[in-house]
Amino acid sequence: MELSVIRIGNSKGLRLSKTLLEKYNIKDTVELILEKDYIVIRPKAIPRVGWDKAFKKMHENNDDKMMMSDVFDDENFEEWK
């Protein structure tokens, strides 16, 4: 795909089509990765996106129980006093 470099104020930029923005889920921010001979533009990843809904669903399904004890049999609590 070929894009023209356009003037934006005192800078220059690339104009991405609506189709590209939708296909790659690009919103307001992108990551720009500089490699030796090329530039990679990708949507900015949002850490933990959707976790709140997933945790709520786990709770509704009664699937949010601890898988292991938070206290081990060989722990010595005297060391912490």
PDB file of N, CA and C in Angstrom:
ATOM      1  N   MET A   1       0.848  -1.166   0.000  1.00  0.00           N
ATOM      2  CA  MET A   1       0.000   0.000   0.000  1.00  0.00           C
ATOM      3  C   MET A   1       0.893   1.228   0.000  1.00  0.00           C
ATOM      4  N   GLU A   2       0.548   2.179  -0.790  1.00  0.00           N
ATOM      5  CA  GLU A   2       1.321   3.414  -0.891  1.00  0.00           C
ATOM      6  C   GLU A   2       0.491   4.562  -0.335  1.00  0.00           C
ATOM      7  N   LEU A   3       1.112   5.384   0.530  1.00  0.00           N
ATOM      8  CA  LEU A   3       0.465   6.556   1.103  1.00  0.00           C
ATOM      9  C   LEU A   3       1.310   7.782   0.808  1.00  0.00           C
ATOM     10  N   SER A   4       0.655   8.911   0.670  1.00  0.00           N
ATOM     11  CA  SER A   4       1.371  10.169   0.485  1.00  0.00           C
ATOM     12  C   SER A   4       1.678  10.789   1.831  1.00  0.00           C
ATOM     13  N   VAL A   5       2.824  11.434   1.917  1.00  0.00           N
ATOM     14  CA  VAL A   5       3.180  12.206   3.107  1.00  0.00           C
ATOM     15  C   VAL A   5       2.556  13.583   2.912  1.00  0.00           C
ATOM     16  N   ILE A   6       1.749  14.024   3.885  1.00  0.00           N
ATOM     17  CA  ILE A   6       1.039  15.295   3.754  1.00  0.00           C
ATOM     18  C   ILE A   6       1.520  16.292   4.797  1.00  0.00           C
ATOM     19  N   ARG A   7       1.335  17.559   4.498  1.00  0.00           N
ATOM     20  CA  ARG A   7       1.705  18.621   5.434  1.00  0.00           C
ATOM     21  C   ARG A   7       0.606  18.765   6.482  1.00  0.00           C
ATOM     22  N   ILE A   8       1.030  18.816   7.758  1.00  0.00           N
ATOM     23  CA  ILE A   8       0.121  19.055   8.883  1.00  0.00           C
ATOM     24  C   ILE A   8       0.768  20.150   9.714  1.00  0.00           C
ATOM     25  N   GLY A   9       0.378  21.390   9.490  1.00  0.00           N
ATOM     26  CA  GLY A   9       1.018  22.521  10.153  1.00  0.00           C
ATOM     27  C   GLY A   9       2.469  22.606   9.719  1.00  0.00           C
ATOM     28  N   ASN A  10       3.382  22.653  10.688  1.00  0.00           N
ATOM     29  CA  ASN A  10       4.813  22.675  10.387  1.00  0.00           C
ATOM     30  C   ASN A  10       5.392  21.272  10.257  1.00  0.00           C
ATOM     31  N   SER A  11       4.571  20.258  10.451  1.00  0.00           N
ATOM     32  CA  SER A  11       5.024  18.874  10.405  1.00  0.00           C
ATOM     33  C   SER A  11       4.498  18.186   9.147  1.00  0.00           C
ATOM     34  N   LYS A  12       4.776  16.921   9.054  1.00  0.00           N
ATOM     35  CA  LYS A  12       4.227  16.098   7.985  1.00  0.00           C
ATOM     36  C   LYS A  12       3.682  14.830   8.603  1.00  0.00           C
ATOM     37  N   GLY A  13       2.741  14.194   7.931  1.00  0.00           N
ATOM     38  CA  GLY A  13       2.129  13.001   8.489  1.00  0.00           C
ATOM     39  C   GLY A  13       1.561  12.117   7.410  1.00  0.00           C
ATOM     40  N   LEU A  14       0.958  11.029   7.850  1.00  0.00           N
ATOM     41  CA  LEU A  14       0.301  10.074   6.959  1.00  0.00           C
ATOM     42  C   LEU A  14      -1.187  10.087   7.259  1.00  0.00           C
ATOM     43  N   ARG A  15      -1.995   9.992   6.234  1.00  0.00           N
ATOM     44  CA  ARG A  15      -3.439   9.917   6.407  1.00  0.00           C
ATOM     45  C   ARG A  15      -3.859   8.474   6.162  1.00  0.00           C
ATOM     46  N   LEU A  16      -4.457   7.859   7.181  1.00  0.00           N
ATOM     47  CA  LEU A  16      -4.914   6.478   7.066  1.00  0.00           C
ATOM     48  C   LEU A  16      -6.406   6.461   6.756  1.00  0.00           C
ATOM     49  N   SER A  17      -6.812   5.564   5.905  1.00  0.00           N
ATOM     50  CA  SER A  17      -8.218   5.480   5.520  1.00  0.00           C
ATOM     51  C   SER A  17      -9.066   4.951   6.679  1.00  0.00           C
ATOM     52  N   LYS A  18     -10.352   5.250   6.617  1.00  0.00           N
ATOM     53  CA  LYS A  18     -11.293   4.765   7.620  1.00  0.00           C
ATOM     54  C   LYS A  18     -11.285   3.240   7.662  1.00  0.00           C
ATOM     55  N   THR A  19     -11.146   2.622   6.506  1.00  0.00           N
ATOM     56  CA  THR A  19     -11.121   1.165   6.419  1.00  0.00           C
ATOM     57  C   THR A  19      -9.960   0.584   7.220  1.00  0.00           C
ATOM     58  N   LEU A  20      -8.767   1.173   7.066  1.00  0.00           N
ATOM     59  CA  LEU A  20      -7.593   0.702   7.823  1.00  0.00           C
ATOM     60  C   LEU A  20      -7.787   0.923   9.317  1.00  0.00           C
ATOM     61  N   LEU A  21      -8.292   2.094   9.678  1.00  0.00           N
ATOM     62  CA  LEU A  21      -8.498   2.399  11.096  1.00  0.00           C
ATOM     63  C   LEU A  21      -9.454   1.400  11.735  1.00  0.00           C
ATOM     64  N   GLU A  22     -10.522   1.059  11.035  1.00  0.00           N
ATOM     65  CA  GLU A  22     -11.492   0.105  11.567  1.00  0.00           C
ATOM     66  C   GLU A  22     -10.933  -1.308  11.587  1.00  0.00           C
ATOM     67  N   LYS A  23     -10.269  -1.698  10.498  1.00  0.00           N
ATOM     68  CA  LYS A  23      -9.746  -3.070  10.406  1.00  0.00           C
ATOM     69  C   LYS A  23      -8.752  -3.374  11.517  1.00  0.00           C
ATOM     70  N   TYR A  24      -7.888  -2.408  11.838  1.00  0.00           N
ATOM     71  CA  TYR A  24      -6.844  -2.638  12.844  1.00  0.00           C
ATOM     72  C   TYR A  24      -7.179  -2.014  14.188  1.00  0.00           C
ATOM     73  N   ASN A  25      -8.444  -1.576  14.333  1.00  0.00           N
ATOM     74  CA  ASN A  25      -8.936  -1.046  15.603  1.00  0.00           C
ATOM     75  C   ASN A  25      -8.044   0.076  16.136  1.00  0.00           C
ATOM     76  N   ILE A  26      -7.691   1.007  15.266  1.00  0.00           N
ATOM     77  CA  ILE A  26      -6.865   2.151  15.646  1.00  0.00           C
ATOM     78  C   ILE A  26      -7.793   3.260  16.104  1.00  0.00           C
ATOM     79  N   LYS A  27      -7.575   3.727  17.326  1.00  0.00           N
ATOM     80  CA  LYS A  27      -8.409   4.795  17.899  1.00  0.00           C
ATOM     81  C   LYS A  27      -7.609   6.099  17.918  1.00  0.00           C
ATOM     82  N   ASP A  28      -7.196   6.544  19.099  1.00  0.00           N
ATOM     83  CA  ASP A  28      -6.518   7.833  19.236  1.00  0.00           C
ATOM     84  C   ASP A  28      -5.004   7.733  19.294  1.00  0.00           C
ATOM     85  N   THR A  29      -4.475   6.572  19.651  1.00  0.00           N
ATOM     86  CA  THR A  29      -3.039   6.436  19.870  1.00  0.00           C
ATOM     87  C   THR A  29      -2.522   5.179  19.181  1.00  0.00           C
ATOM     88  N   VAL A  30      -1.326   5.279  18.616  1.00  0.00           N
ATOM     89  CA  VAL A  30      -0.675   4.117  18.016  1.00  0.00           C
ATOM     90  C   VAL A  30       0.725   3.982  18.593  1.00  0.00           C
ATOM     91  N   GLU A  31       1.278   2.796  18.474  1.00  0.00           N
ATOM     92  CA  GLU A  31       2.683   2.563  18.815  1.00  0.00           C
ATOM     93  C   GLU A  31       3.478   2.668  17.530  1.00  0.00           C
ATOM     94  N   LEU A  32       4.588   3.342  17.588  1.00  0.00           N
ATOM     95  CA  LEU A  32       5.483   3.464  16.449  1.00  0.00           C
ATOM     96  C   LEU A  32       6.753   2.712  16.795  1.00  0.00           C
ATOM     97  N   ILE A  33       7.042   1.652  16.047  1.00  0.00           N
ATOM     98  CA  ILE A  33       8.200   0.810  16.314  1.00  0.00           C
ATOM     99  C   ILE A  33       9.212   1.053  15.200  1.00  0.00           C
ATOM    100  N   LEU A  34      10.382   1.506  15.589  1.00  0.00           N
ATOM    101  CA  LEU A  34      11.423   1.818  14.614  1.00  0.00           C
ATOM    102  C   LEU A  34      12.380   0.642  14.491  1.00  0.00           C
ATOM    103  N   GLU A  35      12.424   0.057  13.333  1.00  0.00           N
ATOM    104  CA  GLU A  35      13.325  -1.053  13.043  1.00  0.00           C
ATOM    105  C   GLU A  35      14.444  -0.535  12.153  1.00  0.00           C
ATOM    106  N   LYS A  36      15.359  -1.398  11.811  1.00  0.00           N
ATOM    107  CA  LYS A  36      16.521  -0.983  11.021  1.00  0.00           C
ATOM    108  C   LYS A  36      16.123  -0.342   9.694  1.00  0.00           C
ATOM    109  N   ASP A  37      15.274  -1.010   8.930  1.00  0.00           N
ATOM    110  CA  ASP A  37      14.942  -0.515   7.602  1.00  0.00           C
ATOM    111  C   ASP A  37      13.464  -0.183   7.419  1.00  0.00           C
ATOM    112  N   TYR A  38      12.694  -0.194   8.502  1.00  0.00           N
ATOM    113  CA  TYR A  38      11.271   0.066   8.337  1.00  0.00           C
ATOM    114  C   TYR A  38      10.657   0.565   9.639  1.00  0.00           C
ATOM    115  N   ILE A  39       9.424   1.051   9.517  1.00  0.00           N
ATOM    116  CA  ILE A  39       8.653   1.550  10.653  1.00  0.00           C
ATOM    117  C   ILE A  39       7.382   0.716  10.754  1.00  0.00           C
ATOM    118  N   VAL A  40       7.041   0.283  11.954  1.00  0.00           N
ATOM    119  CA  VAL A  40       5.809  -0.467  12.185  1.00  0.00           C
ATOM    120  C   VAL A  40       4.866   0.436  12.972  1.00  0.00           C
ATOM    121  N   ILE A  41       3.644   0.566  12.484  1.00  0.00           N
ATOM    122  CA  ILE A  41       2.600   1.311  13.187  1.00  0.00           C
ATOM    123  C   ILE A  41       1.544   0.301  13.611  1.00  0.00           C
ATOM    124  N   ARG A  42       1.231   0.266  14.906  1.00  0.00           N
ATOM    125  CA  ARG A  42       0.194  -0.657  15.359  1.00  0.00           C
ATOM    126  C   ARG A  42      -0.631   0.003  16.453  1.00  0.00           C
ATOM    127  N   PRO A  43      -1.857  -0.476  16.633  1.00  0.00           N
ATOM    128  CA  PRO A  43      -2.707   0.120  17.667  1.00  0.00           C
ATOM    129  C   PRO A  43      -2.049   0.005  19.034  1.00  0.00           C
ATOM    130  N   LYS A  44      -2.228   1.025  19.839  1.00  0.00           N
ATOM    131  CA  LYS A  44      -1.683   0.993  21.197  1.00  0.00           C
ATOM    132  C   LYS A  44      -2.463  -0.019  22.011  1.00  0.00           C
ATOM    133  N   ALA A  45      -1.750  -0.962  22.576  1.00  0.00           N
ATOM    134  CA  ALA A  45      -2.379  -1.982  23.408  1.00  0.00           C
ATOM    135  C   ALA A  45      -2.785  -1.367  24.745  1.00  0.00           C
ATOM    136  N   ILE A  46      -3.968  -1.714  25.187  1.00  0.00           N
ATOM    137  CA  ILE A  46      -4.442  -1.250  26.489  1.00  0.00           C
ATOM    138  C   ILE A  46      -4.385  -2.442  27.435  1.00  0.00           C
ATOM    139  N   PRO A  47      -3.451  -2.416  28.396  1.00  0.00           N
ATOM    140  CA  PRO A  47      -3.328  -3.548  29.313  1.00  0.00           C
ATOM    141  C   PRO A  47      -4.611  -3.802  30.098  1.00  0.00           C
ATOM    142  N   ARG A  48      -4.930  -5.048  30.255  1.00  0.00           N
ATOM    143  CA  ARG A  48      -6.060  -5.498  31.078  1.00  0.00           C
ATOM    144  C   ARG A  48      -7.417  -5.024  30.574  1.00  0.00           C
ATOM    145  N   VAL A  49      -7.499  -4.668  29.290  1.00  0.00           N
ATOM    146  CA  VAL A  49      -8.797  -4.262  28.752  1.00  0.00           C
ATOM    147  C   VAL A  49      -9.742  -5.461  28.783  1.00  0.00           C
ATOM    148  N   GLY A  50     -10.943  -5.260  29.273  1.00  0.00           N
ATOM    149  CA  GLY A  50     -11.942  -6.320  29.340  1.00  0.00           C
ATOM    150  C   GLY A  50     -11.858  -7.197  30.575  1.00  0.00           C
ATOM    151  N   TRP A  51     -10.845  -6.992  31.411  1.00  0.00           N
ATOM    152  CA  TRP A  51     -10.703  -7.830  32.605  1.00  0.00           C
ATOM    153  C   TRP A  51     -11.887  -7.647  33.548  1.00  0.00           C
ATOM    154  N   ASP A  52     -12.391  -6.420  33.665  1.00  0.00           N
ATOM    155  CA  ASP A  52     -13.503  -6.170  34.590  1.00  0.00           C
ATOM    156  C   ASP A  52     -14.717  -7.010  34.220  1.00  0.00           C
ATOM    157  N   LYS A  53     -15.031  -7.094  32.932  1.00  0.00           N
ATOM    158  CA  LYS A  53     -16.169  -7.911  32.492  1.00  0.00           C
ATOM    159  C   LYS A  53     -15.888  -9.393  32.713  1.00  0.00           C
ATOM    160  N   ALA A  54     -14.658  -9.806  32.449  1.00  0.00           N
ATOM    161  CA  ALA A  54     -14.302 -11.216  32.634  1.00  0.00           C
ATOM    162  C   ALA A  54     -14.403 -11.612  34.106  1.00  0.00           C
ATOM    163  N   PHE A  55     -13.935 -10.760  35.011  1.00  0.00           N
ATOM    164  CA  PHE A  55     -14.001 -11.062  36.437  1.00  0.00           C
ATOM    165  C   PHE A  55     -15.453 -11.084  36.924  1.00  0.00           C
ATOM    166  N   LYS A  56     -16.262 -10.174  36.397  1.00  0.00           N
ATOM    167  CA  LYS A  56     -17.673 -10.156  36.789  1.00  0.00           C
ATOM    168  C   LYS A  56     -18.351 -11.455  36.342  1.00  0.00           C
ATOM    169  N   LYS A  57     -18.049 -11.885  35.111  1.00  0.00           N
ATOM    170  CA  LYS A  57     -18.635 -13.126  34.596  1.00  0.00           C
ATOM    171  C   LYS A  57     -18.164 -14.323  35.420  1.00  0.00           C
ATOM    172  N   MET A  58     -16.878 -14.343  35.797  1.00  0.00           N
ATOM    173  CA  MET A  58     -16.357 -15.426  36.637  1.00  0.00           C
ATOM    174  C   MET A  58     -17.126 -15.479  37.954  1.00  0.00           C
ATOM    175  N   HIS A  59     -17.370 -14.305  38.537  1.00  0.00           N
ATOM    176  CA  HIS A  59     -18.087 -14.252  39.813  1.00  0.00           C
ATOM    177  C   HIS A  59     -19.516 -14.760  39.650  1.00  0.00           C
ATOM    178  N   GLU A  60     -20.178 -14.334  38.576  1.00  0.00           N
ATOM    179  CA  GLU A  60     -21.552 -14.773  38.329  1.00  0.00           C
ATOM    180  C   GLU A  60     -21.624 -16.289  38.135  1.00  0.00           C
ATOM    181  N   ASN A  61     -20.583 -16.877  37.553  1.00  0.00           N
ATOM    182  CA  ASN A  61     -20.534 -18.328  37.332  1.00  0.00           C
ATOM    183  C   ASN A  61     -19.960 -19.079  38.532  1.00  0.00           C
ATOM    184  N   ASN A  62     -19.691 -18.340  39.625  1.00  0.00           N
ATOM    185  CA  ASN A  62     -19.100 -18.922  40.826  1.00  0.00           C
ATOM    186  C   ASN A  62     -17.774 -19.611  40.509  1.00  0.00           C
ATOM    187  N   ASP A  63     -17.031 -18.973  39.616  1.00  0.00           N
ATOM    188  CA  ASP A  63     -15.759 -19.537  39.162  1.00  0.00           C
ATOM    189  C   ASP A  63     -14.578 -18.678  39.609  1.00  0.00           C
ATOM    190  N   ASP A  64     -14.764 -17.898  40.661  1.00  0.00           N
ATOM    191  CA  ASP A  64     -13.701 -17.016  41.127  1.00  0.00           C
ATOM    192  C   ASP A  64     -13.144 -17.450  42.480  1.00  0.00           C
ATOM    193  N   LYS A  65     -13.052 -18.732  42.666  1.00  0.00           N
ATOM    194  CA  LYS A  65     -12.496 -19.284  43.907  1.00  0.00           C
ATOM    195  C   LYS A  65     -10.987 -19.418  43.777  1.00  0.00           C
ATOM    196  N   MET A  66     -10.299 -19.355  44.914  1.00  0.00           N
ATOM    197  CA  MET A  66      -8.851 -19.517  44.899  1.00  0.00           C
ATOM    198  C   MET A  66      -8.494 -20.947  44.495  1.00  0.00           C
ATOM    199  N   MET A  67      -7.493 -21.077  43.658  1.00  0.00           N
ATOM    200  CA  MET A  67      -7.085 -22.401  43.189  1.00  0.00           C
ATOM    201  C   MET A  67      -6.089 -23.046  44.144  1.00  0.00           C
ATOM    202  N   MET A  68      -5.479 -22.220  44.990  1.00  0.00           N
ATOM    203  CA  MET A  68      -4.566 -22.760  45.990  1.00  0.00           C
ATOM    204  C   MET A  68      -4.644 -21.872  47.220  1.00  0.00           C
ATOM    205  N   SER A  69      -4.281 -22.407  48.332  1.00  0.00           N
ATOM    206  CA  SER A  69      -4.341 -21.670  49.579  1.00  0.00           C
ATOM    207  C   SER A  69      -3.321 -20.534  49.561  1.00  0.00           C
ATOM    208  N   ASP A  70      -3.675 -19.433  50.200  1.00  0.00           N
ATOM    209  CA  ASP A  70      -2.716 -18.334  50.293  1.00  0.00           C
ATOM    210  C   ASP A  70      -1.799 -18.506  51.508  1.00  0.00           C
ATOM    211  N   VAL A  71      -1.998 -19.561  52.276  1.00  0.00           N
ATOM    212  CA  VAL A  71      -1.139 -19.898  53.405  1.00  0.00           C
ATOM    213  C   VAL A  71      -0.662 -21.332  53.208  1.00  0.00           C
ATOM    214  N   PHE A  72       0.631 -21.522  53.308  1.00  0.00           N
ATOM    215  CA  PHE A  72       1.205 -22.855  53.120  1.00  0.00           C
ATOM    216  C   PHE A  72       1.408 -23.530  54.481  1.00  0.00           C
ATOM    217  N   ASP A  73       1.381 -24.842  54.483  1.00  0.00           N
ATOM    218  CA  ASP A  73       1.490 -25.614  55.717  1.00  0.00           C
ATOM    219  C   ASP A  73       2.799 -25.351  56.455  1.00  0.00           C
ATOM    220  N   ASP A  74       3.862 -25.088  55.731  1.00  0.00           N
ATOM    221  CA  ASP A  74       5.174 -24.951  56.376  1.00  0.00           C
ATOM    222  C   ASP A  74       5.536 -23.497  56.684  1.00  0.00           C
ATOM    223  N   GLU A  75       4.577 -22.564  56.595  1.00  0.00           N
ATOM    224  CA  GLU A  75       4.897 -21.164  56.880  1.00  0.00           C
ATOM    225  C   GLU A  75       5.069 -20.955  58.390  1.00  0.00           C
ATOM    226  N   ASN A  76       6.011 -20.095  58.720  1.00  0.00           N
ATOM    227  CA  ASN A  76       6.305 -19.769  60.113  1.00  0.00           C
ATOM    228  C   ASN A  76       5.961 -18.306  60.332  1.00  0.00           C
ATOM    229  N   PHE A  77       4.818 -18.045  60.963  1.00  0.00           N
ATOM    230  CA  PHE A  77       4.379 -16.679  61.175  1.00  0.00           C
ATOM    231  C   PHE A  77       5.142 -15.979  62.280  1.00  0.00           C
ATOM    232  N   GLU A  78       5.880 -16.727  63.095  1.00  0.00           N
ATOM    233  CA  GLU A  78       6.679 -16.140  64.154  1.00  0.00           C
ATOM    234  C   GLU A  78       7.785 -15.246  63.591  1.00  0.00           C
ATOM    235  N   GLU A  79       8.262 -15.581  62.391  1.00  0.00           N
ATOM    236  CA  GLU A  79       9.334 -14.796  61.755  1.00  0.00           C
ATOM    237  C   GLU A  79       8.890 -13.367  61.466  1.00  0.00           C
ATOM    238  N   TRP A  80       7.593 -13.138  61.355  1.00  0.00           N
ATOM    239  CA  TRP A  80       7.067 -11.830  60.959  1.00  0.00           C
ATOM    240  C   TRP A  80       6.760 -10.920  62.141  1.00  0.00           C
ATOM    241  N   LYS A  81       6.994 -11.401  63.345  1.00  0.00           N
ATOM    242  CA  LYS A  81       6.706 -10.566  64.520  1.00  0.00           C
ATOM    243  C   LYS A  81       7.868  -9.720  64.898  1.00  0.00           C
TER     244      LYS A  81
END
